[in-house]
């Protein structure tokens, strides 16, 4: 598995985000209805060793090796 970028975003809201799609949450953050408190981007050398890695994610990235830049 090649290196991947991991993005962590913290958004605060007055409403329950479980009732929204992620697209709605992002849109409401851009409009000012939610507050973007933090965002962090990391280059992870071995994503399979990361605590947030989801085993199903590997299928998503299969076949994309040729498209990803080397670091």
Protein backbone atom coordinates (compact mmCIF):
# COMPACT_ATOMS: atom_id res chain seq x y z
CA UNK A 1 0.00 0.00 0.00
CA UNK A 2 1.33 3.42 -0.96
CA UNK A 3 1.32 6.50 1.23
CA UNK A 4 -2.03 8.24 1.53
CA UNK A 5 -3.23 11.61 2.78
CA UNK A 6 -5.46 11.56 5.86
CA UNK A 7 -7.67 14.58 6.54
CA UNK A 8 -9.23 15.13 9.95
CA UNK A 9 -11.93 17.80 10.27
CA UNK A 10 -13.65 19.07 13.44
CA UNK A 11 -16.98 20.85 12.93
CA UNK A 12 -19.22 22.19 15.70
CA UNK A 13 -22.98 22.60 15.16
CA UNK A 14 -26.22 23.44 16.97
CA UNK A 15 -28.09 20.62 15.22
CA UNK A 16 -27.60 16.87 15.32
CA UNK A 17 -25.31 16.02 12.36
CA UNK A 18 -26.57 12.42 12.36
CA UNK A 19 -29.68 13.81 10.70
CA UNK A 20 -27.63 15.23 7.77
CA UNK A 21 -25.51 13.92 4.92
CA UNK A 22 -21.81 14.79 5.01
CA UNK A 23 -22.37 17.07 2.00
CA UNK A 24 -24.96 19.05 3.96
CA UNK A 25 -22.62 19.37 6.94
CA UNK A 26 -19.83 20.70 4.71
CA UNK A 27 -22.18 23.11 2.91
CA UNK A 28 -23.56 24.45 6.19
CA UNK A 29 -20.00 24.96 7.43
CA UNK A 30 -19.18 27.01 4.33
CA UNK A 31 -22.38 29.05 4.77
CA UNK A 32 -21.60 29.80 8.41
CA UNK A 33 -24.33 27.67 10.02
CA UNK A 34 -21.69 25.30 11.46
CA UNK A 35 -18.22 26.20 12.75
CA UNK A 36 -15.02 24.67 11.36
CA UNK A 37 -12.81 24.47 14.45
CA UNK A 38 -9.87 22.52 13.08
CA UNK A 39 -8.58 20.64 10.09
CA UNK A 40 -5.41 18.63 9.85
CA UNK A 41 -3.81 16.91 6.85
CA UNK A 42 -1.18 14.20 7.29
CA UNK A 43 0.75 12.04 4.84
CA UNK A 44 0.55 8.50 6.27
CA UNK A 45 3.38 6.18 5.25
CA UNK A 46 1.51 2.94 5.95
CA UNK A 47 -2.24 3.57 6.16
CA UNK A 48 -2.93 -0.01 7.29
CA UNK A 49 -1.09 0.78 10.55
CA UNK A 50 -3.15 3.91 11.28
CA UNK A 51 -5.77 3.70 14.07
CA UNK A 52 -8.41 5.22 11.78
CA UNK A 53 -7.82 2.87 8.85
CA UNK A 54 -10.88 0.98 7.69
CA UNK A 55 -10.12 -2.38 6.08
CA UNK A 56 -12.78 -1.67 3.45
CA UNK A 57 -10.79 1.38 2.36
CA UNK A 58 -8.21 -0.87 0.73
CA UNK A 59 -10.71 -1.89 -1.97
CA UNK A 60 -11.33 1.78 -2.75
CA UNK A 61 -7.62 2.39 -3.47
CA UNK A 62 -6.93 -0.85 -5.40
CA UNK A 63 -6.02 -0.15 -8.98
CA UNK A 64 -5.17 3.48 -8.25
CA UNK A 65 -1.44 2.81 -7.78
CA UNK A 66 -0.58 4.08 -11.27
CA UNK A 67 -2.55 7.30 -10.75
CA UNK A 68 -0.98 8.27 -7.42
CA UNK A 69 2.16 10.38 -7.33
CA UNK A 70 5.30 8.95 -5.76
CA UNK A 71 6.56 10.66 -2.59
